Amino acid sequence: MCFSAGASFTGSAVLSAIGIASVRSAHEPSDKLFAGIPLFFAIQQCAEGVVWLTLRSGENQGLGRFAAYIFLLMALVIWPVMIPLAVGKMEKNEKRKKIIHGILFGGVILSFYYSYCLMSFSVTPVINGFHIQYVNNFPGSMGLAAFGVYIIATMTPLFISTVKRMYLFGILIFISCAVTGFFYKEYLTSVWCFFAALISCIVYWIVKESHIESHSVRFRVIKA
């Protein structure tokens, strides 16, 4: 997370437990990827914990740089693909599924762009107060457009989905983004991931309710 190594590692441990419980509660294969979101954040927060330790100690800079790139790879490259892909797999409404798949295509293009940036430009994590700032020299002319596509790819599917409570996940992610952008603009990547990691706990609830609803529909069909 964005406040200390201890907070990051603690959060990673908690998210791992929630993620395991979430995956175990996902009885449908189509729910597994979405159920694994807390595990995704657990790995990401563990990586940032390593970044904290290496920056504080001034040692093992190679390890710290590797951890920083793991964190950014998951935040910038994997996340805009994972959300529309996971939500699309759960969606039962064919019309909405096609829309989500269209958004997924945009997320894939964005992931290629950020992959290019991570390979071609420098990124330096620095501690500023109680936060980590990932200073980079990515092309400034593309920054706003890329962020816009990122927002669409990571949030819109949550509101389009007909899966019960998915919209609540979307609302919380949107609020966390707005709060982070207003109060912590310089540390957006780190702080927003912190909020999103906490919010991902709701994934377990969504997956459980999805299973209950699916089971109820099957029961009504069999009874009919």
Protein backbone atom coordinates (compact mmCIF):
# COMPACT_ATOMS: atom_id res chain seq x y z
CA MET A 1 0.00 0.00 0.00
CA CYS A 2 1.05 3.61 -0.09
CA PHE A 3 1.90 4.40 3.55
CA SER A 4 4.61 1.97 4.68
CA ALA A 5 6.17 -1.43 4.05
CA GLY A 6 4.32 -2.85 7.06
CA ALA A 7 0.98 -1.64 5.73
CA SER A 8 1.74 -3.11 2.32
CA PHE A 9 2.71 -6.55 3.64
CA THR A 10 -0.21 -6.63 6.08
CA GLY A 11 -2.60 -5.68 3.33
CA SER A 12 -1.09 -8.32 1.07
CA ALA A 13 -1.64 -11.02 3.69
CA VAL A 14 -5.26 -9.99 4.30
CA LEU A 15 -6.01 -9.77 0.58
CA SER A 16 -4.44 -13.19 0.03
CA ALA A 17 -6.82 -14.73 2.57
CA ILE A 18 -9.82 -12.96 1.03
CA GLY A 19 -8.71 -13.91 -2.46
CA ILE A 20 -8.36 -17.59 -1.58
CA ALA A 21 -11.80 -17.58 0.03
CA SER A 22 -13.23 -15.79 -3.00
CA VAL A 23 -11.75 -18.25 -5.49
CA ARG A 24 -12.99 -21.19 -3.43
CA SER A 25 -16.49 -19.73 -3.38
CA ALA A 26 -16.52 -19.36 -7.18
CA HIS A 27 -18.22 -22.56 -8.32
CA GLU A 28 -18.60 -21.41 -11.92
CA PRO A 29 -15.43 -21.46 -14.09
CA SER A 30 -16.52 -18.10 -15.55
CA ASP A 31 -16.31 -16.54 -12.07
CA LYS A 32 -12.76 -17.67 -11.26
CA LEU A 33 -10.87 -14.77 -12.86
CA PHE A 34 -13.03 -12.14 -11.19
CA ALA A 35 -12.79 -14.00 -7.88
CA GLY A 36 -9.00 -13.82 -8.13
CA ILE A 37 -8.88 -10.00 -8.13
CA PRO A 38 -7.95 -9.77 -4.40
CA LEU A 39 -5.05 -12.16 -5.08
CA PHE A 40 -3.94 -9.85 -7.88
CA PHE A 41 -3.87 -6.95 -5.44
CA ALA A 42 -2.10 -9.09 -2.82
CA ILE A 43 0.82 -9.65 -5.20
CA GLN A 44 0.83 -5.99 -6.19
CA GLN A 45 0.89 -4.74 -2.61
CA CYS A 46 3.62 -7.21 -1.69
CA ALA A 47 5.70 -5.80 -4.56
CA GLU A 48 5.21 -2.26 -3.30
CA GLY A 49 6.19 -3.40 0.18
CA VAL A 50 9.52 -4.50 -1.28
CA VAL A 51 9.84 -1.10 -2.98
CA TRP A 52 9.35 0.57 0.41
CA LEU A 53 12.01 -1.58 2.08
CA THR A 54 14.64 -1.02 -0.60
CA LEU A 55 14.01 2.72 -0.79
CA ARG A 56 14.19 3.11 3.00
CA SER A 57 17.36 1.03 3.36
CA GLY A 58 19.10 2.24 0.22
CA GLU A 59 20.16 -1.35 -0.42
CA ASN A 60 19.22 -3.99 -2.99
CA GLN A 61 18.28 -1.35 -5.54
CA GLY A 62 18.09 -3.98 -8.28
CA LEU A 63 15.44 -5.86 -6.31
CA GLY A 64 13.59 -2.62 -5.61
CA ARG A 65 13.56 -1.69 -9.28
CA PHE A 66 12.29 -5.15 -10.20
CA ALA A 67 9.50 -4.88 -7.59
CA ALA A 68 8.57 -1.42 -8.85
CA TYR A 69 8.17 -2.76 -12.37
CA ILE A 70 6.09 -5.68 -11.11
CA PHE A 71 3.82 -3.18 -9.36
CA LEU A 72 3.52 -0.97 -12.46
CA LEU A 73 3.08 -3.93 -14.79
CA MET A 74 0.08 -5.05 -12.78
CA ALA A 75 -1.33 -1.54 -12.37
CA LEU A 76 -0.88 -0.30 -15.93
CA VAL A 77 -0.71 -3.37 -18.16
CA ILE A 78 -2.73 -6.15 -16.52
CA TRP A 79 -5.50 -4.22 -14.75
CA PRO A 80 -7.12 -2.56 -17.85
CA VAL A 81 -7.35 -6.01 -19.46
CA MET A 82 -8.24 -8.04 -16.38
CA ILE A 83 -11.34 -6.05 -15.41
CA PRO A 84 -13.23 -6.16 -18.75
CA LEU A 85 -12.10 -9.76 -19.33
CA ALA A 86 -13.20 -10.96 -15.88
CA VAL A 87 -16.51 -9.07 -15.94
CA GLY A 88 -17.19 -10.18 -19.52
CA LYS A 89 -16.73 -13.83 -18.58
CA MET A 90 -19.34 -13.47 -15.83
CA GLU A 91 -21.86 -11.56 -17.94
CA LYS A 92 -24.89 -13.57 -19.12
CA ASN A 93 -26.56 -10.86 -21.23
CA GLU A 94 -25.14 -11.33 -24.75
CA LYS A 95 -25.68 -7.72 -25.83
CA ARG A 96 -23.85 -6.35 -22.80
CA LYS A 97 -21.16 -9.01 -23.12
CA LYS A 98 -20.39 -7.74 -26.64
CA ILE A 99 -20.11 -4.16 -25.36
CA ILE A 100 -17.74 -5.28 -22.61
CA HIS A 101 -15.66 -7.19 -25.15
CA GLY A 102 -15.40 -4.00 -27.19
CA ILE A 103 -14.08 -2.23 -24.11
CA LEU A 104 -11.68 -5.13 -23.60
CA PHE A 105 -10.21 -4.45 -27.04
CA GLY A 106 -9.49 -0.86 -25.96
CA GLY A 107 -7.91 -2.17 -22.76
CA VAL A 108 -5.62 -4.47 -24.74
CA ILE A 109 -4.45 -1.59 -26.95
CA LEU A 110 -3.79 0.49 -23.82
CA SER A 111 -1.82 -2.38 -22.27
CA PHE A 112 0.42 -2.51 -25.34
CA TYR A 113 0.96 1.24 -25.06
CA TYR A 114 1.93 1.07 -21.38
CA SER A 115 4.14 -1.96 -22.06
CA TYR A 116 5.97 0.11 -24.66
CA CYS A 117 6.33 2.99 -22.17
CA LEU A 118 7.71 0.73 -19.44
CA MET A 119 10.25 -0.73 -21.83
CA SER A 120 11.24 2.54 -23.53
CA PHE A 121 11.18 5.19 -20.80
CA SER A 122 12.56 5.44 -17.29
CA VAL A 123 10.52 5.05 -14.12
CA THR A 124 11.96 5.95 -10.74
CA PRO A 125 10.09 5.26 -7.47
CA VAL A 126 10.75 7.85 -4.76
CA ILE A 127 9.39 8.29 -1.24
CA ASN A 128 7.70 11.63 -0.78
CA GLY A 129 6.27 12.00 2.71
CA PHE A 130 4.18 8.92 3.42
CA HIS A 131 3.68 7.97 -0.20
CA ILE A 132 5.58 6.46 -3.11
CA GLN A 133 5.68 8.49 -6.29
CA TYR A 134 6.58 6.74 -9.54
CA VAL A 135 8.38 9.46 -11.47
CA ASN A 136 8.46 8.75 -15.20
CA ASN A 137 9.08 10.44 -18.52
CA PHE A 138 6.27 8.81 -20.48
CA PRO A 139 5.09 10.88 -23.49
CA GLY A 140 3.15 13.80 -22.03
CA SER A 141 1.04 14.28 -25.16
CA MET A 142 -0.52 10.84 -24.68
CA GLY A 143 -0.97 11.00 -20.93
CA LEU A 144 -4.51 12.38 -20.74
CA ALA A 145 -5.86 10.22 -23.56
CA ALA A 146 -4.28 7.09 -22.09
CA PHE A 147 -5.74 7.85 -18.66
CA GLY A 148 -9.17 8.35 -20.24
CA VAL A 149 -9.01 4.93 -21.90
CA TYR A 150 -7.77 3.48 -18.62
CA ILE A 151 -10.81 4.83 -16.76
CA ILE A 152 -13.17 3.45 -19.42
CA ALA A 153 -11.51 0.02 -19.42
CA THR A 154 -11.38 -0.39 -15.64
CA MET A 155 -14.70 1.16 -14.60
CA THR A 156 -17.28 1.05 -17.39
CA PRO A 157 -17.66 -2.77 -17.43
CA LEU A 158 -18.60 -2.67 -13.74
CA PHE A 159 -21.59 -0.43 -14.54
CA ILE A 160 -22.59 -2.24 -17.73
CA SER A 161 -22.64 -5.68 -16.09
CA THR A 162 -25.93 -7.21 -15.01
CA VAL A 163 -24.17 -9.24 -12.28
CA LYS A 164 -25.72 -8.44 -8.92
CA ARG A 165 -23.83 -5.82 -6.86
CA MET A 166 -21.24 -5.28 -9.59
CA TYR A 167 -22.36 -1.66 -9.92
CA LEU A 168 -21.49 -1.13 -6.24
CA PHE A 169 -17.93 -2.21 -6.96
CA GLY A 170 -17.91 0.34 -9.78
CA ILE A 171 -19.22 3.15 -7.59
CA LEU A 172 -16.58 2.52 -4.93
CA ILE A 173 -13.78 2.38 -7.51
CA PHE A 174 -15.02 5.63 -9.08
CA ILE A 175 -15.19 7.41 -5.72
CA SER A 176 -11.72 6.19 -4.78
CA CYS A 177 -10.35 7.48 -8.10
CA ALA A 178 -12.00 10.89 -7.64
CA VAL A 179 -10.75 11.23 -4.06
CA THR A 180 -7.25 10.16 -5.04
CA GLY A 181 -7.15 12.51 -8.03
CA PHE A 182 -8.26 15.44 -5.87
CA PHE A 183 -6.12 14.90 -2.77
CA TYR A 184 -3.20 12.75 -3.99
CA LYS A 185 -2.73 13.63 -7.66
CA GLU A 186 1.06 13.28 -7.49
CA TYR A 187 0.75 9.75 -6.08
CA LEU A 188 -2.24 8.58 -8.12
CA THR A 189 -0.85 5.18 -9.13
CA SER A 190 0.19 4.16 -5.62
CA VAL A 191 -2.68 5.66 -3.60
CA TRP A 192 -5.46 4.60 -5.96
CA CYS A 193 -4.13 1.05 -5.93
CA PHE A 194 -4.28 1.22 -2.14
CA PHE A 195 -7.96 2.18 -2.18
CA ALA A 196 -8.77 -0.29 -4.95
CA ALA A 197 -7.07 -3.07 -3.00
CA LEU A 198 -9.27 -2.37 0.02
CA ILE A 199 -12.37 -2.17 -2.15
CA SER A 200 -11.54 -5.50 -3.80
CA CYS A 201 -12.73 -7.19 -0.60
CA ILE A 202 -16.24 -6.74 -2.02
CA VAL A 203 -15.34 -9.26 -4.73
CA TYR A 204 -15.95 -12.11 -2.29
CA TRP A 205 -19.50 -10.83 -1.66
CA ILE A 206 -20.24 -10.45 -5.38
CA VAL A 207 -18.98 -13.94 -6.19
CA LYS A 208 -20.99 -15.49 -3.34
CA GLU A 209 -24.17 -13.72 -4.41
CA SER A 210 -23.56 -14.67 -8.04
CA HIS A 211 -23.38 -18.33 -7.04
CA ILE A 212 -26.54 -18.09 -4.92
CA GLU A 213 -28.43 -16.38 -7.74
CA SER A 214 -27.20 -18.89 -10.32
CA HIS A 215 -28.17 -21.79 -8.06
CA SER A 216 -31.61 -20.25 -7.50
CA VAL A 217 -32.19 -19.89 -11.25
CA ARG A 218 -31.24 -23.54 -11.84
CA PHE A 219 -33.58 -24.64 -9.05
CA ARG A 220 -36.50 -22.71 -10.58
CA VAL A 221 -35.79 -24.18 -14.01
CA ILE A 222 -35.66 -27.73 -12.64
CA LYS A 223 -38.81 -27.15 -10.59
CA ALA A 224 -40.64 -25.79 -13.63
